[in-house]
Amino acid sequence: MGELIIETFSYDGGRQVTVYVPTRPVQAVIFCGDGQLIPHWGHDLKTQPLPATMIVGVHRLADETLRLHEYSPKFDPSRFKAHEEFLMNDVRSWVSSRFGLKLTREHTAVCGVSAGGELALALGARHPDVFGAILSASPGAGFRPTDEITSVMPPTYLVAGTQEPFFLENALRWAIALRKKGKKVVLKERDAGHDQEMWRAELPRMIAWAFAR
């Protein structure tokens, strides 16, 4: 069935990270925010013909404003930078040593939903040497595309619901900007609102696209 492992780090007074560990030898790794949520969806993957995928999620803050400040570089750059360095340095190093993994770009993606979708886009744009794919569901609007940003971004999978027009518009904005740069990008529109059911159902499709292309 796979195992959930929770580790507490000293960052920010004590921040937890939840990891979904598949039963088979790990073939791919996804890093994300919202660690209380996304790693638990790993249990859905066990019956699917997908690469054995580990999901590493840094827990979010309970305060939604502070969560947004950690996930989007627009609002509080210093808080975003601290969270970015924690995920990119401490968490990735721990995953590599704890599980004995060599984290190659081709087998590593960054994922997120809602504000976490912004985080995925931002980290993918800032670390294209680390992440071979960006998986962003219903992204917020704080972090927006520019020519400089889109020129370096890895292949990107976007999804949003037709019943969440604000977030669908944000996803469409990114898709258009990436296509103009000739980047590999997929945009899926689902008959859904801003809800976990749609995001959870999309995750296996995202993984198939990212690692089985």
N, C-alpha and C. Protein backbone atom coordinates (compact mmCIF):
# COMPACT_ATOMS: atom_id res chain seq x y z
N MET A 1 0.83 -1.22 0.00
CA MET A 1 0.00 0.00 0.00
C MET A 1 0.85 1.25 0.00
N GLY A 2 2.08 1.16 0.45
CA GLY A 2 2.90 2.35 0.60
C GLY A 2 2.87 2.85 2.03
N GLU A 3 3.87 3.61 2.40
CA GLU A 3 4.04 4.05 3.78
C GLU A 3 4.16 5.56 3.84
N LEU A 4 3.58 6.15 4.89
CA LEU A 4 3.73 7.57 5.15
C LEU A 4 4.72 7.76 6.30
N ILE A 5 5.75 8.55 6.05
CA ILE A 5 6.76 8.84 7.06
C ILE A 5 6.72 10.34 7.34
N ILE A 6 6.69 10.71 8.62
CA ILE A 6 6.66 12.11 9.02
C ILE A 6 7.93 12.44 9.80
N GLU A 7 8.61 13.48 9.36
CA GLU A 7 9.85 13.93 10.01
C GLU A 7 9.66 15.40 10.41
N THR A 8 10.14 15.77 11.60
CA THR A 8 10.08 17.15 12.07
C THR A 8 11.46 17.78 11.99
N PHE A 9 11.54 18.92 11.31
CA PHE A 9 12.79 19.67 11.15
C PHE A 9 12.77 20.89 12.07
N SER A 10 13.92 21.46 12.31
CA SER A 10 14.01 22.62 13.21
C SER A 10 13.55 23.91 12.55
N TYR A 11 13.39 23.91 11.24
CA TYR A 11 13.03 25.13 10.50
C TYR A 11 11.77 25.77 11.08
N ASP A 12 11.82 27.07 11.26
CA ASP A 12 10.66 27.87 11.69
C ASP A 12 10.06 27.37 13.00
N GLY A 13 10.91 26.93 13.91
CA GLY A 13 10.43 26.48 15.20
C GLY A 13 9.92 25.06 15.23
N GLY A 14 10.06 24.35 14.13
CA GLY A 14 9.60 22.96 14.04
C GLY A 14 8.60 22.78 12.92
N ARG A 15 9.09 22.31 11.78
CA ARG A 15 8.20 22.14 10.62
C ARG A 15 8.24 20.67 10.19
N GLN A 16 7.08 20.10 9.99
CA GLN A 16 6.99 18.69 9.61
C GLN A 16 7.02 18.52 8.09
N VAL A 17 7.52 17.37 7.69
CA VAL A 17 7.54 16.96 6.29
C VAL A 17 6.96 15.54 6.24
N THR A 18 5.97 15.34 5.38
CA THR A 18 5.39 14.01 5.20
C THR A 18 5.85 13.45 3.86
N VAL A 19 6.27 12.18 3.87
CA VAL A 19 6.75 11.52 2.67
C VAL A 19 5.92 10.27 2.41
N TYR A 20 5.39 10.15 1.21
CA TYR A 20 4.78 8.90 0.78
C TYR A 20 5.86 8.05 0.12
N VAL A 21 6.07 6.85 0.65
CA VAL A 21 7.09 5.94 0.13
C VAL A 21 6.39 4.75 -0.52
N PRO A 22 6.54 4.58 -1.81
CA PRO A 22 5.88 3.45 -2.49
C PRO A 22 6.49 2.12 -2.07
N THR A 23 5.75 1.05 -2.29
CA THR A 23 6.25 -0.27 -1.92
C THR A 23 7.35 -0.74 -2.85
N ARG A 24 7.31 -0.32 -4.10
CA ARG A 24 8.34 -0.70 -5.07
C ARG A 24 9.53 0.26 -4.98
N PRO A 25 10.70 -0.13 -5.50
CA PRO A 25 11.84 0.79 -5.52
C PRO A 25 11.49 2.10 -6.21
N VAL A 26 11.88 3.21 -5.61
CA VAL A 26 11.49 4.53 -6.10
C VAL A 26 12.10 4.81 -7.47
N GLN A 27 11.23 5.23 -8.39
CA GLN A 27 11.66 5.59 -9.74
C GLN A 27 11.54 7.09 -10.01
N ALA A 28 10.73 7.78 -9.23
CA ALA A 28 10.51 9.22 -9.44
C ALA A 28 10.16 9.86 -8.10
N VAL A 29 10.44 11.16 -8.00
CA VAL A 29 10.17 11.90 -6.77
C VAL A 29 9.47 13.20 -7.10
N ILE A 30 8.43 13.51 -6.33
CA ILE A 30 7.72 14.79 -6.43
C ILE A 30 7.91 15.55 -5.12
N PHE A 31 8.30 16.82 -5.22
CA PHE A 31 8.37 17.70 -4.07
C PHE A 31 7.20 18.68 -4.13
N CYS A 32 6.65 19.01 -2.96
CA CYS A 32 5.48 19.90 -2.94
C CYS A 32 5.34 20.56 -1.58
N GLY A 33 4.47 21.54 -1.52
CA GLY A 33 4.01 22.08 -0.26
C GLY A 33 2.77 21.31 0.17
N ASP A 34 2.01 21.88 1.11
CA ASP A 34 0.77 21.24 1.58
C ASP A 34 1.00 19.78 1.95
N GLY A 35 2.03 19.56 2.77
CA GLY A 35 2.41 18.20 3.13
C GLY A 35 1.38 17.45 3.93
N GLN A 36 0.42 18.17 4.55
CA GLN A 36 -0.67 17.50 5.26
C GLN A 36 -1.64 16.83 4.29
N LEU A 37 -1.53 17.19 3.00
CA LEU A 37 -2.55 16.79 2.02
C LEU A 37 -1.99 15.89 0.92
N ILE A 38 -1.11 16.41 0.10
CA ILE A 38 -0.73 15.76 -1.16
C ILE A 38 -0.06 14.40 -0.97
N PRO A 39 0.88 14.21 -0.03
CA PRO A 39 1.49 12.89 0.09
C PRO A 39 0.49 11.77 0.35
N HIS A 40 -0.62 12.08 1.02
CA HIS A 40 -1.64 11.07 1.30
C HIS A 40 -2.28 10.54 0.02
N TRP A 41 -2.24 11.32 -1.04
CA TRP A 41 -2.81 10.86 -2.31
C TRP A 41 -1.95 9.78 -2.97
N GLY A 42 -0.76 9.58 -2.44
CA GLY A 42 0.10 8.55 -2.99
C GLY A 42 -0.54 7.17 -2.93
N HIS A 43 -1.42 6.95 -1.97
CA HIS A 43 -2.09 5.65 -1.86
C HIS A 43 -2.93 5.34 -3.10
N ASP A 44 -3.36 6.38 -3.82
CA ASP A 44 -4.15 6.16 -5.04
C ASP A 44 -3.31 5.59 -6.17
N LEU A 45 -2.00 5.73 -6.08
CA LEU A 45 -1.13 5.40 -7.19
C LEU A 45 -0.82 3.91 -7.29
N LYS A 46 -1.07 3.18 -6.22
CA LYS A 46 -0.59 1.80 -6.15
C LYS A 46 -1.26 0.89 -7.18
N THR A 47 -2.47 1.23 -7.61
CA THR A 47 -3.18 0.38 -8.58
C THR A 47 -2.99 0.85 -10.01
N GLN A 48 -2.20 1.89 -10.21
CA GLN A 48 -2.05 2.48 -11.54
C GLN A 48 -0.72 2.05 -12.17
N PRO A 49 -0.70 1.91 -13.49
CA PRO A 49 0.55 1.54 -14.18
C PRO A 49 1.48 2.74 -14.33
N LEU A 50 2.05 3.17 -13.21
CA LEU A 50 2.87 4.37 -13.16
C LEU A 50 4.24 4.05 -12.58
N PRO A 51 5.23 4.88 -12.85
CA PRO A 51 6.50 4.73 -12.14
C PRO A 51 6.27 4.81 -10.63
N ALA A 52 7.03 4.05 -9.86
CA ALA A 52 6.91 4.10 -8.40
C ALA A 52 7.38 5.48 -7.92
N THR A 53 6.43 6.28 -7.44
CA THR A 53 6.68 7.70 -7.19
C THR A 53 6.62 8.03 -5.71
N MET A 54 7.68 8.63 -5.20
CA MET A 54 7.72 9.16 -3.85
C MET A 54 7.19 10.58 -3.86
N ILE A 55 6.39 10.95 -2.86
CA ILE A 55 5.85 12.30 -2.75
C ILE A 55 6.33 12.90 -1.44
N VAL A 56 7.04 14.02 -1.54
CA VAL A 56 7.64 14.69 -0.38
C VAL A 56 6.93 16.03 -0.19
N GLY A 57 6.22 16.19 0.91
CA GLY A 57 5.44 17.40 1.13
C GLY A 57 5.81 18.13 2.40
N VAL A 58 6.25 19.38 2.27
CA VAL A 58 6.51 20.24 3.42
C VAL A 58 5.17 20.76 3.93
N HIS A 59 4.92 20.61 5.22
CA HIS A 59 3.63 21.03 5.78
C HIS A 59 3.44 22.54 5.65
N ARG A 60 2.21 22.92 5.39
CA ARG A 60 1.87 24.34 5.27
C ARG A 60 1.57 24.92 6.64
N LEU A 61 1.60 26.24 6.68
CA LEU A 61 1.20 26.96 7.89
C LEU A 61 -0.32 27.03 7.97
N ALA A 62 -0.85 27.08 9.19
CA ALA A 62 -2.30 27.15 9.37
C ALA A 62 -2.86 28.51 8.93
N ASP A 63 -2.07 29.54 9.10
CA ASP A 63 -2.48 30.89 8.70
C ASP A 63 -2.38 31.00 7.18
N GLU A 64 -3.51 31.24 6.51
CA GLU A 64 -3.54 31.26 5.05
C GLU A 64 -2.71 32.39 4.46
N THR A 65 -2.66 33.53 5.15
CA THR A 65 -1.85 34.64 4.66
C THR A 65 -0.37 34.28 4.69
N LEU A 66 0.08 33.69 5.79
CA LEU A 66 1.48 33.30 5.89
C LEU A 66 1.80 32.16 4.91
N ARG A 67 0.84 31.27 4.71
CA ARG A 67 1.03 30.21 3.71
C ARG A 67 1.28 30.82 2.34
N LEU A 68 0.46 31.79 1.96
CA LEU A 68 0.62 32.44 0.68
C LEU A 68 1.97 33.15 0.58
N HIS A 69 2.41 33.75 1.67
CA HIS A 69 3.70 34.45 1.67
C HIS A 69 4.87 33.48 1.49
N GLU A 70 4.71 32.25 1.97
CA GLU A 70 5.75 31.25 1.76
C GLU A 70 5.71 30.68 0.34
N TYR A 71 4.54 30.66 -0.27
CA TYR A 71 4.35 29.98 -1.53
C TYR A 71 4.48 30.87 -2.75
N SER A 72 4.40 32.18 -2.58
CA SER A 72 4.51 33.10 -3.71
C SER A 72 5.56 34.16 -3.41
N PRO A 73 6.54 34.36 -4.30
CA PRO A 73 7.61 35.33 -4.03
C PRO A 73 7.16 36.78 -4.09
N LYS A 74 5.92 37.02 -4.51
CA LYS A 74 5.46 38.40 -4.70
C LYS A 74 5.24 39.14 -3.38
N PHE A 75 4.73 38.48 -2.36
CA PHE A 75 4.18 39.16 -1.19
C PHE A 75 5.22 39.44 -0.10
N ASP A 76 6.02 38.44 0.23
CA ASP A 76 7.04 38.60 1.27
C ASP A 76 8.27 37.84 0.80
N PRO A 77 9.12 38.48 -0.01
CA PRO A 77 10.25 37.78 -0.61
C PRO A 77 11.17 37.09 0.38
N SER A 78 11.36 37.67 1.56
CA SER A 78 12.27 37.08 2.53
C SER A 78 11.69 35.78 3.11
N ARG A 79 10.39 35.77 3.39
CA ARG A 79 9.75 34.54 3.89
C ARG A 79 9.74 33.47 2.80
N PHE A 80 9.42 33.86 1.57
CA PHE A 80 9.45 32.90 0.47
C PHE A 80 10.84 32.31 0.32
N LYS A 81 11.87 33.15 0.37
CA LYS A 81 13.25 32.69 0.18
C LYS A 81 13.65 31.70 1.27
N ALA A 82 13.27 31.98 2.52
CA ALA A 82 13.61 31.08 3.62
C ALA A 82 12.96 29.71 3.42
N HIS A 83 11.69 29.72 3.04
CA HIS A 83 10.97 28.46 2.79
C HIS A 83 11.56 27.73 1.59
N GLU A 84 11.89 28.48 0.54
CA GLU A 84 12.52 27.89 -0.64
C GLU A 84 13.83 27.20 -0.28
N GLU A 85 14.67 27.86 0.49
CA GLU A 85 15.97 27.29 0.86
C GLU A 85 15.79 26.06 1.75
N PHE A 86 14.80 26.08 2.62
CA PHE A 86 14.51 24.92 3.46
C PHE A 86 14.15 23.71 2.60
N LEU A 87 13.24 23.91 1.64
CA LEU A 87 12.81 22.80 0.78
C LEU A 87 13.94 22.35 -0.14
N MET A 88 14.59 23.30 -0.78
CA MET A 88 15.58 22.95 -1.79
C MET A 88 16.87 22.38 -1.18
N ASN A 89 17.24 22.82 0.02
CA ASN A 89 18.49 22.39 0.62
C ASN A 89 18.27 21.32 1.70
N ASP A 90 17.62 21.69 2.77
CA ASP A 90 17.48 20.76 3.90
C ASP A 90 16.64 19.54 3.54
N VAL A 91 15.47 19.78 2.97
CA VAL A 91 14.56 18.66 2.70
C VAL A 91 15.10 17.75 1.61
N ARG A 92 15.59 18.33 0.54
CA ARG A 92 16.12 17.49 -0.55
C ARG A 92 17.34 16.69 -0.10
N SER A 93 18.21 17.30 0.69
CA SER A 93 19.38 16.58 1.18
C SER A 93 18.96 15.44 2.11
N TRP A 94 17.97 15.70 2.96
CA TRP A 94 17.48 14.65 3.86
C TRP A 94 16.86 13.50 3.08
N VAL A 95 16.07 13.79 2.07
CA VAL A 95 15.46 12.74 1.27
C VAL A 95 16.52 11.88 0.60
N SER A 96 17.54 12.52 0.06
CA SER A 96 18.60 11.79 -0.61
C SER A 96 19.33 10.85 0.34
N SER A 97 19.68 11.34 1.54
CA SER A 97 20.42 10.51 2.49
C SER A 97 19.52 9.51 3.21
N ARG A 98 18.33 9.93 3.59
CA ARG A 98 17.43 9.04 4.36
C ARG A 98 16.98 7.84 3.53
N PHE A 99 16.73 8.06 2.24
CA PHE A 99 16.19 6.99 1.41
C PHE A 99 17.20 6.46 0.39
N GLY A 100 18.40 6.98 0.43
CA GLY A 100 19.44 6.49 -0.46
C GLY A 100 19.15 6.74 -1.93
N LEU A 101 18.64 7.92 -2.24
CA LEU A 101 18.24 8.24 -3.61
C LEU A 101 19.21 9.20 -4.27
N LYS A 102 19.39 9.00 -5.55
CA LYS A 102 20.09 9.98 -6.38
C LYS A 102 19.02 10.75 -7.14
N LEU A 103 18.86 12.02 -6.79
CA LEU A 103 17.75 12.81 -7.32
C LEU A 103 18.13 13.43 -8.66
N THR A 104 17.91 12.71 -9.73
CA THR A 104 18.22 13.23 -11.06
C THR A 104 17.07 14.11 -11.55
N ARG A 105 17.40 15.09 -12.37
CA ARG A 105 16.41 16.03 -12.88
C ARG A 105 15.30 15.32 -13.64
N GLU A 106 15.66 14.33 -14.45
CA GLU A 106 14.67 13.65 -15.29
C GLU A 106 13.63 12.88 -14.48
N HIS A 107 13.95 12.59 -13.22
CA HIS A 107 13.04 11.82 -12.38
C HIS A 107 12.56 12.62 -11.18
N THR A 108 12.61 13.94 -11.29
CA THR A 108 12.19 14.82 -10.19
C THR A 108 11.24 15.89 -10.72
N ALA A 109 10.13 16.09 -10.01
CA ALA A 109 9.17 17.12 -10.39
C ALA A 109 8.77 17.92 -9.16
N VAL A 110 8.20 19.09 -9.40
CA VAL A 110 7.64 19.91 -8.33
C VAL A 110 6.15 20.06 -8.60
N CYS A 111 5.35 19.94 -7.54
CA CYS A 111 3.90 19.87 -7.70
C CYS A 111 3.23 20.78 -6.68
N GLY A 112 2.02 21.24 -7.01
CA GLY A 112 1.27 22.03 -6.04
C GLY A 112 -0.14 22.31 -6.49
N VAL A 113 -0.97 22.67 -5.52
CA VAL A 113 -2.38 22.99 -5.80
C VAL A 113 -2.70 24.34 -5.18
N SER A 114 -3.49 25.15 -5.91
CA SER A 114 -3.91 26.47 -5.45
C SER A 114 -2.68 27.34 -5.21
N ALA A 115 -2.52 27.90 -4.00
CA ALA A 115 -1.30 28.67 -3.73
C ALA A 115 -0.07 27.81 -3.91
N GLY A 116 -0.20 26.51 -3.62
CA GLY A 116 0.90 25.59 -3.86
C GLY A 116 1.21 25.42 -5.33
N GLY A 117 0.20 25.69 -6.18
CA GLY A 117 0.44 25.69 -7.61
C GLY A 117 1.35 26.83 -8.02
N GLU A 118 1.21 27.97 -7.33
CA GLU A 118 2.16 29.08 -7.53
C GLU A 118 3.56 28.67 -7.09
N LEU A 119 3.63 28.00 -5.93
CA LEU A 119 4.92 27.55 -5.43
C LEU A 119 5.60 26.63 -6.44
N ALA A 120 4.84 25.71 -7.03
CA ALA A 120 5.41 24.80 -8.01
C ALA A 120 5.95 25.55 -9.22
N LEU A 121 5.19 26.52 -9.70
CA LEU A 121 5.64 27.32 -10.84
C LEU A 121 6.89 28.12 -10.49
N ALA A 122 6.89 28.72 -9.31
CA ALA A 122 8.03 29.55 -8.91
C ALA A 122 9.29 28.71 -8.72
N LEU A 123 9.17 27.57 -8.05
CA LEU A 123 10.35 26.73 -7.82
C LEU A 123 10.84 26.12 -9.13
N GLY A 124 9.91 25.73 -9.99
CA GLY A 124 10.32 25.19 -11.28
C GLY A 124 11.05 26.21 -12.12
N ALA A 125 10.59 27.46 -12.07
CA ALA A 125 11.23 28.53 -12.84
C ALA A 125 12.60 28.89 -12.26
N ARG A 126 12.72 28.83 -10.93
CA ARG A 126 13.97 29.23 -10.27
C ARG A 126 15.00 28.11 -10.20
N HIS A 127 14.53 26.87 -10.42
CA HIS A 127 15.45 25.72 -10.32
C HIS A 127 15.21 24.73 -11.46
N PRO A 128 15.32 25.20 -12.70
CA PRO A 128 15.09 24.29 -13.83
C PRO A 128 16.16 23.22 -13.96
N ASP A 129 17.28 23.40 -13.26
CA ASP A 129 18.33 22.38 -13.26
C ASP A 129 18.01 21.23 -12.31
N VAL A 130 17.04 21.44 -11.42
CA VAL A 130 16.66 20.43 -10.43
C VAL A 130 15.40 19.68 -10.83
N PHE A 131 14.42 20.43 -11.34
CA PHE A 131 13.11 19.85 -11.64
C PHE A 131 12.94 19.66 -13.14
N GLY A 132 12.61 18.43 -13.53
CA GLY A 132 12.39 18.14 -14.94
C GLY A 132 10.98 18.40 -15.39
N ALA A 133 10.07 18.69 -14.44
CA ALA A 133 8.67 18.97 -14.79
C ALA A 133 8.02 19.77 -13.66
N ILE A 134 7.04 20.58 -14.05
CA ILE A 134 6.21 21.33 -13.11
C ILE A 134 4.78 20.82 -13.25
N LEU A 135 4.15 20.52 -12.12
CA LEU A 135 2.77 20.04 -12.10
C LEU A 135 1.97 21.00 -11.24
N SER A 136 1.14 21.83 -11.87
CA SER A 136 0.47 22.92 -11.17
C SER A 136 -1.04 22.85 -11.37
N ALA A 137 -1.76 22.71 -10.28
CA ALA A 137 -3.22 22.63 -10.33
C ALA A 137 -3.83 23.89 -9.73
N SER A 138 -4.73 24.52 -10.47
CA SER A 138 -5.47 25.69 -9.99
C SER A 138 -4.56 26.75 -9.38
N PRO A 139 -3.55 27.20 -10.12
CA PRO A 139 -2.59 28.14 -9.52
C PRO A 139 -3.20 29.50 -9.22
N GLY A 140 -2.72 30.11 -8.15
CA GLY A 140 -3.12 31.48 -7.83
C GLY A 140 -2.46 32.47 -8.78
N ALA A 141 -2.71 33.76 -8.53
CA ALA A 141 -2.30 34.79 -9.48
C ALA A 141 -1.15 35.66 -9.01
N GLY A 142 -0.59 35.37 -7.84
CA GLY A 142 0.48 36.23 -7.34
C GLY A 142 1.76 36.15 -8.15
N PHE A 143 2.12 34.93 -8.54
CA PHE A 143 3.33 34.72 -9.35
C PHE A 143 2.90 34.59 -10.80
N ARG A 144 3.36 35.52 -11.64
CA ARG A 144 2.89 35.59 -13.03
C ARG A 144 4.03 35.44 -14.02
N PRO A 145 3.72 34.98 -15.22
CA PRO A 145 4.78 34.75 -16.21
C PRO A 145 5.35 36.04 -16.78
N THR A 146 6.63 36.00 -17.04
CA THR A 146 7.33 37.04 -17.80
C THR A 146 8.17 36.33 -18.85
N ASP A 147 8.67 37.09 -19.82
CA ASP A 147 9.52 36.49 -20.84
C ASP A 147 10.75 35.83 -20.22
N GLU A 148 11.32 36.49 -19.22
CA GLU A 148 12.52 35.95 -18.57
C GLU A 148 12.21 34.64 -17.86
N ILE A 149 11.07 34.59 -17.17
CA ILE A 149 10.70 33.39 -16.42
C ILE A 149 10.39 32.24 -17.36
N THR A 150 9.53 32.48 -18.34
CA THR A 150 9.08 31.39 -19.20
C THR A 150 10.18 30.83 -20.10
N SER A 151 11.21 31.61 -20.34
CA SER A 151 12.28 31.15 -21.22
C SER A 151 13.09 30.02 -20.62
N VAL A 152 13.04 29.85 -19.29
CA VAL A 152 13.87 28.83 -18.65
C VAL A 152 13.06 27.70 -18.03
N MET A 153 11.75 27.75 -18.13
CA MET A 153 10.92 26.79 -17.40
C MET A 153 10.92 25.41 -18.04
N PRO A 154 10.92 24.37 -17.20
CA PRO A 154 10.83 23.00 -17.71
C PRO A 154 9.42 22.69 -18.19
N PRO A 155 9.19 21.53 -18.80
CA PRO A 155 7.84 21.14 -19.22
C PRO A 155 6.84 21.29 -18.08
N THR A 156 5.66 21.80 -18.42
CA THR A 156 4.68 22.19 -17.40
C THR A 156 3.31 21.62 -17.70
N TYR A 157 2.70 21.03 -16.68
CA TYR A 157 1.34 20.49 -16.76
C TYR A 157 0.46 21.37 -15.89
N LEU A 158 -0.57 21.96 -16.49
CA LEU A 158 -1.51 22.84 -15.79
C LEU A 158 -2.90 22.23 -15.85
N VAL A 159 -3.64 22.38 -14.77
CA VAL A 159 -5.03 21.93 -14.75
C VAL A 159 -5.83 22.89 -13.88
N ALA A 160 -7.08 23.12 -14.29
CA ALA A 160 -7.99 23.96 -13.50
C ALA A 160 -9.42 23.58 -13.87
N GLY A 161 -10.35 23.96 -13.00
CA GLY A 161 -11.75 23.61 -13.21
C GLY A 161 -12.53 24.72 -13.91
N THR A 162 -13.50 24.33 -14.69
CA THR A 162 -14.35 25.31 -15.37
C THR A 162 -15.23 26.07 -14.39
N GLN A 163 -15.39 25.55 -13.17
CA GLN A 163 -16.21 26.21 -12.16
C GLN A 163 -15.37 27.07 -11.21
N GLU A 164 -14.12 27.27 -11.55
CA GLU A 164 -13.25 28.17 -10.79
C GLU A 164 -12.58 29.12 -11.79
N PRO A 165 -13.34 30.05 -12.37
CA PRO A 165 -12.83 30.86 -13.47
C PRO A 165 -11.58 31.66 -13.14
N PHE A 166 -11.43 32.14 -11.91
CA PHE A 166 -10.24 32.89 -11.54
C PHE A 166 -8.99 32.04 -11.71
N PHE A 167 -9.04 30.82 -11.23
CA PHE A 167 -7.87 29.93 -11.29
C PHE A 167 -7.66 29.38 -12.69
N LEU A 168 -8.75 29.15 -13.42
CA LEU A 168 -8.63 28.72 -14.81
C LEU A 168 -7.97 29.82 -15.64
N GLU A 169 -8.33 31.05 -15.38
CA GLU A 169 -7.69 32.17 -16.09
C GLU A 169 -6.19 32.23 -15.80
N ASN A 170 -5.81 31.97 -14.55
CA ASN A 170 -4.39 31.97 -14.21
C ASN A 170 -3.65 30.86 -14.94
N ALA A 171 -4.25 29.66 -14.98
CA ALA A 171 -3.61 28.54 -15.68
C ALA A 171 -3.50 28.84 -17.17
N LEU A 172 -4.53 29.43 -17.74
CA LEU A 172 -4.51 29.77 -19.16
C LEU A 172 -3.45 30.82 -19.46
N ARG A 173 -3.27 31.77 -18.57
CA ARG A 173 -2.24 32.81 -18.75
C ARG A 173 -0.85 32.15 -18.85
N TRP A 174 -0.59 31.18 -17.98
CA TRP A 174 0.70 30.49 -18.02
C TRP A 174 0.84 29.66 -19.29
N ALA A 175 -0.23 28.98 -19.67
CA ALA A 175 -0.16 28.14 -20.87
C ALA A 175 0.15 28.97 -22.11
N ILE A 176 -0.50 30.10 -22.25
CA ILE A 176 -0.27 30.98 -23.40
C ILE A 176 1.17 31.48 -23.41
N ALA A 177 1.65 31.93 -22.24
CA ALA A 177 3.00 32.47 -22.15
C ALA A 177 4.05 31.41 -22.47
N LEU A 178 3.83 30.20 -21.99
CA LEU A 178 4.80 29.13 -22.26
C LEU A 178 4.77 28.70 -23.71
N ARG A 179 3.60 28.65 -24.31
CA ARG A 179 3.49 28.28 -25.72
C ARG A 179 4.18 29.30 -26.61
N LYS A 180 4.10 30.57 -26.24
CA LYS A 180 4.77 31.61 -27.01
C LYS A 180 6.29 31.41 -27.03
N LYS A 181 6.80 30.78 -25.98
CA LYS A 181 8.23 30.51 -25.89
C LYS A 181 8.59 29.15 -26.46
N GLY A 182 7.61 28.45 -27.01
CA GLY A 182 7.87 27.14 -27.58
C GLY A 182 8.12 26.06 -26.56
N LYS A 183 7.63 26.26 -25.33
CA LYS A 183 7.84 25.29 -24.25
C LYS A 183 6.80 24.17 -24.30
N LYS A 184 7.17 23.04 -23.75
CA LYS A 184 6.22 21.93 -23.63
C LYS A 184 5.25 22.25 -22.51
N VAL A 185 3.98 22.33 -22.83
CA VAL A 185 2.98 22.67 -21.83
C VAL A 185 1.66 21.98 -22.16
N VAL A 186 0.99 21.52 -21.13
CA VAL A 186 -0.33 20.91 -21.25
C VAL A 186 -1.27 21.69 -20.35
N LEU A 187 -2.46 22.01 -20.85
CA LEU A 187 -3.50 22.64 -20.03
C LEU A 187 -4.76 21.79 -20.11
N LYS A 188 -5.22 21.30 -18.96
CA LYS A 188 -6.44 20.50 -18.89
C LYS A 188 -7.52 21.30 -18.16
N GLU A 189 -8.69 21.32 -18.75
CA GLU A 189 -9.85 21.95 -18.11
C GLU A 189 -10.80 20.84 -17.67
N ARG A 190 -11.13 20.83 -16.39
CA ARG A 190 -12.02 19.81 -15.83
C ARG A 190 -13.33 20.45 -15.36
N ASP A 191 -14.38 19.68 -15.42
CA ASP A 191 -15.68 20.14 -14.93
C ASP A 191 -15.67 20.03 -13.41
N ALA A 192 -15.09 21.03 -12.77
CA ALA A 192 -14.89 20.99 -11.32
C ALA A 192 -14.68 22.39 -10.79
N GLY A 193 -14.78 22.53 -9.49
CA GLY A 193 -14.48 23.78 -8.82
C GLY A 193 -13.11 23.71 -8.19
N HIS A 194 -12.91 24.56 -7.19
CA HIS A 194 -11.61 24.63 -6.50
C HIS A 194 -11.63 23.62 -5.37
N ASP A 195 -11.43 22.34 -5.71
CA ASP A 195 -11.63 21.31 -4.70
C ASP A 195 -10.61 20.19 -4.81
N GLN A 196 -10.45 19.49 -3.69
CA GLN A 196 -9.45 18.45 -3.59
C GLN A 196 -9.75 17.25 -4.48
N GLU A 197 -11.01 16.96 -4.72
CA GLU A 197 -11.35 15.79 -5.52
C GLU A 197 -10.76 15.90 -6.92
N MET A 198 -10.87 17.06 -7.52
CA MET A 198 -10.32 17.25 -8.86
C MET A 198 -8.79 17.14 -8.83
N TRP A 199 -8.15 17.78 -7.87
CA TRP A 199 -6.69 17.75 -7.79
C TRP A 199 -6.19 16.33 -7.56
N ARG A 200 -6.86 15.62 -6.67
CA ARG A 200 -6.44 14.26 -6.35
C ARG A 200 -6.59 13.34 -7.55
N ALA A 201 -7.69 13.49 -8.28
CA ALA A 201 -7.93 12.66 -9.46
C ALA A 201 -6.92 12.96 -10.56
N GLU A 202 -6.40 14.18 -10.59
CA GLU A 202 -5.48 14.58 -11.66
C GLU A 202 -4.05 14.12 -11.40
N LEU A 203 -3.72 13.87 -10.15
CA LEU A 203 -2.33 13.56 -9.82
C LEU A 203 -1.77 12.37 -10.61
N PRO A 204 -2.47 11.24 -10.73
CA PRO A 204 -1.91 10.15 -11.53
C PRO A 204 -1.67 10.54 -12.99
N ARG A 205 -2.55 11.35 -13.56
CA ARG A 205 -2.35 11.81 -14.94
C ARG A 205 -1.12 12.68 -15.04
N MET A 206 -0.92 13.53 -14.05
CA MET A 206 0.27 14.38 -14.01
C MET A 206 1.55 13.54 -13.96
N ILE A 207 1.54 12.54 -13.10
CA ILE A 207 2.72 11.68 -12.95
C ILE A 207 3.00 10.92 -14.24
N ALA A 208 1.95 10.41 -14.86
CA ALA A 208 2.13 9.69 -16.13
C ALA A 208 2.75 10.60 -17.18
N TRP A 209 2.29 11.83 -17.24
CA TRP A 209 2.82 12.80 -18.23
C TRP A 209 4.26 13.17 -17.91
N ALA A 210 4.55 13.40 -16.62
CA ALA A 210 5.88 13.88 -16.23
C ALA A 210 6.97 12.82 -16.41
N PHE A 211 6.64 11.58 -16.07
CA PHE A 211 7.69 10.57 -15.97
C PHE A 211 7.57 9.45 -17.00
N ALA A 212 6.50 9.42 -17.76
CA ALA A 212 6.35 8.35 -18.76
C ALA A 212 6.33 8.91 -20.17
N ARG A 213 6.78 10.17 -20.32
CA ARG A 213 6.75 10.79 -21.63
C ARG A 213 7.83 10.17 -22.53
